[in-house]
Amino acid sequence: MENNTFKFILKAFGLTFLAVTIAYFVIGRLLVAAFDYSTVEASYHLPTHALLVGLIFTVILCTILILDKLKNK
């Protein structure tokens, strides 16, 4: 694996982790405020939404990597 590709993957995973962490707290506050969830109800929805955000960023990362590999061929 090329050094640049490895750095890109590490950077993308780092940004994904950061986005999921931020989304975990932001979405939690928004769920509590917008839908009048109690903290117990929000605790059920919070991990689900954080995982969905992580999945979205992972799919975007994989798409970018696949398109980059196809472009290099």
PDB file of N, CA and C in Angstrom:
ATOM      1  N   MET A   1       0.845  -1.167   0.000  1.00  0.00           N
ATOM      2  CA  MET A   1       0.000   0.000   0.000  1.00  0.00           C
ATOM      3  C   MET A   1       0.896   1.237   0.000  1.00  0.00           C
ATOM      4  N   GLU A   2       0.545   2.177  -0.833  1.00  0.00           N
ATOM      5  CA  GLU A   2       1.340   3.388  -0.918  1.00  0.00           C
ATOM      6  C   GLU A   2       1.237   4.173   0.381  1.00  0.00           C
ATOM      7  N   ASN A   3       2.273   4.955   0.625  1.00  0.00           N
ATOM      8  CA  ASN A   3       2.320   5.747   1.842  1.00  0.00           C
ATOM      9  C   ASN A   3       1.200   6.789   1.868  1.00  0.00           C
ATOM     10  N   ASN A   4       0.928   7.423   0.718  1.00  0.00           N
ATOM     11  CA  ASN A   4      -0.127   8.435   0.658  1.00  0.00           C
ATOM     12  C   ASN A   4      -1.504   7.826   0.905  1.00  0.00           C
ATOM     13  N   THR A   5      -1.732   6.642   0.368  1.00  0.00           N
ATOM     14  CA  THR A   5      -3.016   5.974   0.575  1.00  0.00           C
ATOM     15  C   THR A   5      -3.202   5.617   2.043  1.00  0.00           C
ATOM     16  N   PHE A   6      -2.133   5.144   2.672  1.00  0.00           N
ATOM     17  CA  PHE A   6      -2.191   4.797   4.091  1.00  0.00           C
ATOM     18  C   PHE A   6      -2.495   6.028   4.940  1.00  0.00           C
ATOM     19  N   LYS A   7      -1.836   7.140   4.629  1.00  0.00           N
ATOM     20  CA  LYS A   7      -2.098   8.384   5.359  1.00  0.00           C
ATOM     21  C   LYS A   7      -3.535   8.847   5.148  1.00  0.00           C
ATOM     22  N   PHE A   8      -4.027   8.695   3.931  1.00  0.00           N
ATOM     23  CA  PHE A   8      -5.402   9.088   3.624  1.00  0.00           C
ATOM     24  C   PHE A   8      -6.394   8.251   4.419  1.00  0.00           C
ATOM     25  N   ILE A   9      -6.138   6.947   4.498  1.00  0.00           N
ATOM     26  CA  ILE A   9      -7.034   6.056   5.238  1.00  0.00           C
ATOM     27  C   ILE A   9      -7.027   6.403   6.724  1.00  0.00           C
ATOM     28  N   LEU A  10      -5.844   6.635   7.284  1.00  0.00           N
ATOM     29  CA  LEU A  10      -5.764   6.994   8.698  1.00  0.00           C
ATOM     30  C   LEU A  10      -6.459   8.321   8.976  1.00  0.00           C
ATOM     31  N   LYS A  11      -6.262   9.275   8.081  1.00  0.00           N
ATOM     32  CA  LYS A  11      -6.915  10.575   8.245  1.00  0.00           C
ATOM     33  C   LYS A  11      -8.432  10.427   8.154  1.00  0.00           C
ATOM     34  N   ALA A  12      -8.902   9.624   7.218  1.00  0.00           N
ATOM     35  CA  ALA A  12     -10.343   9.424   7.055  1.00  0.00           C
ATOM     36  C   ALA A  12     -10.945   8.730   8.273  1.00  0.00           C
ATOM     37  N   PHE A  13     -10.272   7.719   8.800  1.00  0.00           N
ATOM     38  CA  PHE A  13     -10.782   7.048   9.993  1.00  0.00           C
ATOM     39  C   PHE A  13     -10.770   7.981  11.198  1.00  0.00           C
ATOM     40  N   GLY A  14      -9.740   8.805  11.301  1.00  0.00           N
ATOM     41  CA  GLY A  14      -9.690   9.784  12.385  1.00  0.00           C
ATOM     42  C   GLY A  14     -10.824  10.783  12.300  1.00  0.00           C
ATOM     43  N   LEU A  15     -11.089  11.272  11.089  1.00  0.00           N
ATOM     44  CA  LEU A  15     -12.188  12.218  10.903  1.00  0.00           C
ATOM     45  C   LEU A  15     -13.540  11.553  11.151  1.00  0.00           C
ATOM     46  N   THR A  16     -13.662  10.292  10.759  1.00  0.00           N
ATOM     47  CA  THR A  16     -14.900   9.561  11.014  1.00  0.00           C
ATOM     48  C   THR A  16     -15.129   9.391  12.510  1.00  0.00           C
ATOM     49  N   PHE A  17     -14.086   9.033  13.222  1.00  0.00           N
ATOM     50  CA  PHE A  17     -14.191   8.887  14.672  1.00  0.00           C
ATOM     51  C   PHE A  17     -14.570  10.211  15.322  1.00  0.00           C
ATOM     52  N   LEU A  18     -13.947  11.298  14.866  1.00  0.00           N
ATOM     53  CA  LEU A  18     -14.257  12.618  15.398  1.00  0.00           C
ATOM     54  C   LEU A  18     -15.705  13.010  15.096  1.00  0.00           C
ATOM     55  N   ALA A  19     -16.148  12.748  13.870  1.00  0.00           N
ATOM     56  CA  ALA A  19     -17.523  13.090  13.485  1.00  0.00           C
ATOM     57  C   ALA A  19     -18.539  12.291  14.295  1.00  0.00           C
ATOM     58  N   VAL A  20     -18.268  11.021  14.517  1.00  0.00           N
ATOM     59  CA  VAL A  20     -19.195  10.186  15.295  1.00  0.00           C
ATOM     60  C   VAL A  20     -19.224  10.638  16.751  1.00  0.00           C
ATOM     61  N   THR A  21     -18.073  10.995  17.289  1.00  0.00           N
ATOM     62  CA  THR A  21     -18.024  11.465  18.671  1.00  0.00           C
ATOM     63  C   THR A  21     -18.801  12.763  18.836  1.00  0.00           C
ATOM     64  N   ILE A  22     -18.587  13.696  17.921  1.00  0.00           N
ATOM     65  CA  ILE A  22     -19.316  14.965  17.979  1.00  0.00           C
ATOM     66  C   ILE A  22     -20.809  14.721  17.767  1.00  0.00           C
ATOM     67  N   ALA A  23     -21.140  13.893  16.794  1.00  0.00           N
ATOM     68  CA  ALA A  23     -22.548  13.608  16.515  1.00  0.00           C
ATOM     69  C   ALA A  23     -23.219  12.937  17.708  1.00  0.00           C
ATOM     70  N   TYR A  24     -22.483  12.123  18.428  1.00  0.00           N
ATOM     71  CA  TYR A  24     -23.037  11.440  19.593  1.00  0.00           C
ATOM     72  C   TYR A  24     -23.575  12.449  20.602  1.00  0.00           C
ATOM     73  N   PHE A  25     -22.785  13.500  20.854  1.00  0.00           N
ATOM     74  CA  PHE A  25     -23.209  14.495  21.827  1.00  0.00           C
ATOM     75  C   PHE A  25     -24.213  15.486  21.241  1.00  0.00           C
ATOM     76  N   VAL A  26     -24.016  15.905  20.009  1.00  0.00           N
ATOM     77  CA  VAL A  26     -24.921  16.875  19.389  1.00  0.00           C
ATOM     78  C   VAL A  26     -26.297  16.258  19.160  1.00  0.00           C
ATOM     79  N   ILE A  27     -26.332  15.067  18.587  1.00  0.00           N
ATOM     80  CA  ILE A  27     -27.615  14.412  18.322  1.00  0.00           C
ATOM     81  C   ILE A  27     -28.337  14.107  19.635  1.00  0.00           C
ATOM     82  N   GLY A  28     -27.600  13.769  20.648  1.00  0.00           N
ATOM     83  CA  GLY A  28     -28.221  13.515  21.946  1.00  0.00           C
ATOM     84  C   GLY A  28     -28.931  14.731  22.486  1.00  0.00           C
ATOM     85  N   ARG A  29     -28.286  15.878  22.418  1.00  0.00           N
ATOM     86  CA  ARG A  29     -28.915  17.116  22.885  1.00  0.00           C
ATOM     87  C   ARG A  29     -30.111  17.485  22.013  1.00  0.00           C
ATOM     88  N   LEU A  30     -29.984  17.290  20.703  1.00  0.00           N
ATOM     89  CA  LEU A  30     -31.087  17.620  19.803  1.00  0.00           C
ATOM     90  C   LEU A  30     -32.291  16.712  20.032  1.00  0.00           C
ATOM     91  N   LEU A  31     -32.043  15.430  20.278  1.00  0.00           N
ATOM     92  CA  LEU A  31     -33.148  14.510  20.553  1.00  0.00           C
ATOM     93  C   LEU A  31     -33.885  14.894  21.827  1.00  0.00           C
ATOM     94  N   VAL A  32     -33.137  15.243  22.839  1.00  0.00           N
ATOM     95  CA  VAL A  32     -33.761  15.623  24.103  1.00  0.00           C
ATOM     96  C   VAL A  32     -34.558  16.912  23.929  1.00  0.00           C
ATOM     97  N   ALA A  33     -33.987  17.892  23.208  1.00  0.00           N
ATOM     98  CA  ALA A  33     -34.651  19.188  23.053  1.00  0.00           C
ATOM     99  C   ALA A  33     -35.832  19.123  22.085  1.00  0.00           C
ATOM    100  N   ALA A  34     -35.665  18.482  20.957  1.00  0.00           N
ATOM    101  CA  ALA A  34     -36.684  18.525  19.911  1.00  0.00           C
ATOM    102  C   ALA A  34     -37.890  17.637  20.213  1.00  0.00           C
ATOM    103  N   PHE A  35     -37.663  16.480  20.754  1.00  0.00           N
ATOM    104  CA  PHE A  35     -38.756  15.525  20.937  1.00  0.00           C
ATOM    105  C   PHE A  35     -39.154  15.327  22.394  1.00  0.00           C
ATOM    106  N   ASP A  36     -38.612  16.145  23.275  1.00  0.00           N
ATOM    107  CA  ASP A  36     -38.879  16.028  24.714  1.00  0.00           C
ATOM    108  C   ASP A  36     -38.634  14.617  25.232  1.00  0.00           C
ATOM    109  N   TYR A  37     -37.566  14.004  24.722  1.00  0.00           N
ATOM    110  CA  TYR A  37     -37.182  12.697  25.237  1.00  0.00           C
ATOM    111  C   TYR A  37     -36.608  12.868  26.639  1.00  0.00           C
ATOM    112  N   SER A  38     -36.841  11.898  27.454  1.00  0.00           N
ATOM    113  CA  SER A  38     -36.115  11.871  28.713  1.00  0.00           C
ATOM    114  C   SER A  38     -34.712  11.357  28.408  1.00  0.00           C
ATOM    115  N   THR A  39     -33.847  11.431  29.361  1.00  0.00           N
ATOM    116  CA  THR A  39     -32.481  10.967  29.117  1.00  0.00           C
ATOM    117  C   THR A  39     -32.449   9.465  28.871  1.00  0.00           C
ATOM    118  N   VAL A  40     -33.412   8.737  29.432  1.00  0.00           N
ATOM    119  CA  VAL A  40     -33.465   7.292  29.205  1.00  0.00           C
ATOM    120  C   VAL A  40     -33.851   7.000  27.756  1.00  0.00           C
ATOM    121  N   GLU A  41     -34.873   7.703  27.245  1.00  0.00           N
ATOM    122  CA  GLU A  41     -35.278   7.494  25.856  1.00  0.00           C
ATOM    123  C   GLU A  41     -34.171   7.907  24.899  1.00  0.00           C
ATOM    124  N   ALA A  42     -33.501   9.012  25.206  1.00  0.00           N
ATOM    125  CA  ALA A  42     -32.409   9.479  24.348  1.00  0.00           C
ATOM    126  C   ALA A  42     -31.255   8.487  24.361  1.00  0.00           C
ATOM    127  N   SER A  43     -31.061   7.812  25.485  1.00  0.00           N
ATOM    128  CA  SER A  43     -29.955   6.860  25.555  1.00  0.00           C
ATOM    129  C   SER A  43     -30.181   5.667  24.638  1.00  0.00           C
ATOM    130  N   TYR A  44     -31.447   5.363  24.309  1.00  0.00           N
ATOM    131  CA  TYR A  44     -31.717   4.281  23.362  1.00  0.00           C
ATOM    132  C   TYR A  44     -31.458   4.730  21.925  1.00  0.00           C
ATOM    133  N   HIS A  45     -31.799   5.963  21.614  1.00  0.00           N
ATOM    134  CA  HIS A  45     -31.674   6.449  20.250  1.00  0.00           C
ATOM    135  C   HIS A  45     -30.268   6.940  19.923  1.00  0.00           C
ATOM    136  N   LEU A  46     -29.551   7.393  20.918  1.00  0.00           N
ATOM    137  CA  LEU A  46     -28.247   8.005  20.706  1.00  0.00           C
ATOM    138  C   LEU A  46     -27.227   7.069  20.071  1.00  0.00           C
ATOM    139  N   PRO A  47     -27.015   5.861  20.580  1.00  0.00           N
ATOM    140  CA  PRO A  47     -26.046   4.971  19.924  1.00  0.00           C
ATOM    141  C   PRO A  47     -26.450   4.612  18.500  1.00  0.00           C
ATOM    142  N   THR A  48     -27.743   4.475  18.259  1.00  0.00           N
ATOM    143  CA  THR A  48     -28.207   4.139  16.916  1.00  0.00           C
ATOM    144  C   THR A  48     -27.870   5.243  15.930  1.00  0.00           C
ATOM    145  N   HIS A  49     -28.144   6.472  16.300  1.00  0.00           N
ATOM    146  CA  HIS A  49     -27.854   7.587  15.406  1.00  0.00           C
ATOM    147  C   HIS A  49     -26.349   7.782  15.222  1.00  0.00           C
ATOM    148  N   ALA A  50     -25.579   7.595  16.275  1.00  0.00           N
ATOM    149  CA  ALA A  50     -24.129   7.720  16.152  1.00  0.00           C
ATOM    150  C   ALA A  50     -23.566   6.638  15.230  1.00  0.00           C
ATOM    151  N   LEU A  51     -24.087   5.425  15.332  1.00  0.00           N
ATOM    152  CA  LEU A  51     -23.640   4.353  14.445  1.00  0.00           C
ATOM    153  C   LEU A  51     -24.036   4.623  12.998  1.00  0.00           C
ATOM    154  N   LEU A  52     -25.217   5.193  12.788  1.00  0.00           N
ATOM    155  CA  LEU A  52     -25.637   5.537  11.426  1.00  0.00           C
ATOM    156  C   LEU A  52     -24.729   6.595  10.811  1.00  0.00           C
ATOM    157  N   VAL A  53     -24.357   7.592  11.596  1.00  0.00           N
ATOM    158  CA  VAL A  53     -23.435   8.621  11.096  1.00  0.00           C
ATOM    159  C   VAL A  53     -22.089   7.989  10.764  1.00  0.00           C
ATOM    160  N   GLY A  54     -21.606   7.101  11.626  1.00  0.00           N
ATOM    161  CA  GLY A  54     -20.351   6.407  11.347  1.00  0.00           C
ATOM    162  C   GLY A  54     -20.426   5.560  10.093  1.00  0.00           C
ATOM    163  N   LEU A  55     -21.557   4.894   9.891  1.00  0.00           N
ATOM    164  CA  LEU A  55     -21.748   4.080   8.693  1.00  0.00           C
ATOM    165  C   LEU A  55     -21.749   4.945   7.438  1.00  0.00           C
ATOM    166  N   ILE A  56     -22.397   6.088   7.506  1.00  0.00           N
ATOM    167  CA  ILE A  56     -22.428   6.990   6.355  1.00  0.00           C
ATOM    168  C   ILE A  56     -21.023   7.441   5.987  1.00  0.00           C
ATOM    169  N   PHE A  57     -20.236   7.850   6.983  1.00  0.00           N
ATOM    170  CA  PHE A  57     -18.872   8.284   6.696  1.00  0.00           C
ATOM    171  C   PHE A  57     -18.006   7.131   6.191  1.00  0.00           C
ATOM    172  N   THR A  58     -18.226   5.926   6.696  1.00  0.00           N
ATOM    173  CA  THR A  58     -17.467   4.770   6.227  1.00  0.00           C
ATOM    174  C   THR A  58     -17.794   4.451   4.775  1.00  0.00           C
ATOM    175  N   VAL A  59     -19.069   4.531   4.404  1.00  0.00           N
ATOM    176  CA  VAL A  59     -19.464   4.292   3.011  1.00  0.00           C
ATOM    177  C   VAL A  59     -18.852   5.346   2.100  1.00  0.00           C
ATOM    178  N   ILE A  60     -18.853   6.593   2.533  1.00  0.00           N
ATOM    179  CA  ILE A  60     -18.231   7.657   1.737  1.00  0.00           C
ATOM    180  C   ILE A  60     -16.743   7.390   1.567  1.00  0.00           C
ATOM    181  N   LEU A  61     -16.070   6.992   2.631  1.00  0.00           N
ATOM    182  CA  LEU A  61     -14.637   6.691   2.559  1.00  0.00           C
ATOM    183  C   LEU A  61     -14.370   5.545   1.595  1.00  0.00           C
ATOM    184  N   CYS A  62     -15.134   4.471   1.698  1.00  0.00           N
ATOM    185  CA  CYS A  62     -14.926   3.322   0.809  1.00  0.00           C
ATOM    186  C   CYS A  62     -15.197   3.687  -0.645  1.00  0.00           C
ATOM    187  N   THR A  63     -16.208   4.510  -0.885  1.00  0.00           N
ATOM    188  CA  THR A  63     -16.500   4.952  -2.250  1.00  0.00           C
ATOM    189  C   THR A  63     -15.351   5.766  -2.812  1.00  0.00           C
ATOM    190  N   ILE A  64     -14.798   6.652  -2.008  1.00  0.00           N
ATOM    191  CA  ILE A  64     -13.656   7.459  -2.456  1.00  0.00           C
ATOM    192  C   ILE A  64     -12.469   6.567  -2.778  1.00  0.00           C
ATOM    193  N   LEU A  65     -12.201   5.584  -1.922  1.00  0.00           N
ATOM    194  CA  LEU A  65     -11.067   4.689  -2.161  1.00  0.00           C
ATOM    195  C   LEU A  65     -11.269   3.848  -3.419  1.00  0.00           C
ATOM    196  N   ILE A  66     -12.472   3.346  -3.633  1.00  0.00           N
ATOM    197  CA  ILE A  66     -12.749   2.539  -4.831  1.00  0.00           C
ATOM    198  C   ILE A  66     -12.608   3.382  -6.084  1.00  0.00           C
ATOM    199  N   LEU A  67     -13.155   4.590  -6.069  1.00  0.00           N
ATOM    200  CA  LEU A  67     -13.039   5.470  -7.235  1.00  0.00           C
ATOM    201  C   LEU A  67     -11.589   5.853  -7.501  1.00  0.00           C
ATOM    202  N   ASP A  68     -10.808   6.024  -6.434  1.00  0.00           N
ATOM    203  CA  ASP A  68      -9.391   6.343  -6.597  1.00  0.00           C
ATOM    204  C   ASP A  68      -8.646   5.174  -7.236  1.00  0.00           C
ATOM    205  N   LYS A  69      -8.957   3.956  -6.807  1.00  0.00           N
ATOM    206  CA  LYS A  69      -8.309   2.776  -7.396  1.00  0.00           C
ATOM    207  C   LYS A  69      -8.698   2.602  -8.859  1.00  0.00           C
ATOM    208  N   LEU A  70      -9.965   2.831  -9.188  1.00  0.00           N
ATOM    209  CA  LEU A  70     -10.406   2.720 -10.584  1.00  0.00           C
ATOM    210  C   LEU A  70      -9.776   3.804 -11.450  1.00  0.00           C
ATOM    211  N   LYS A  71      -9.588   4.967 -10.886  1.00  0.00           N
ATOM    212  CA  LYS A  71      -8.981   6.075 -11.617  1.00  0.00           C
ATOM    213  C   LYS A  71      -7.510   5.791 -11.922  1.00  0.00           C
ATOM    214  N   ASN A  72      -6.820   5.109 -11.010  1.00  0.00           N
ATOM    215  CA  ASN A  72      -5.396   4.817 -11.187  1.00  0.00           C
ATOM    216  C   ASN A  72      -5.142   3.699 -12.189  1.00  0.00           C
ATOM    217  N   LYS A  73      -6.140   2.871 -12.488  1.00  0.00           N
ATOM    218  CA  LYS A  73      -5.943   1.749 -13.417  1.00  0.00           C
ATOM    219  C   LYS A  73      -5.923   2.193 -14.826  1.00  0.00           C
TER     220      LYS A  73
END
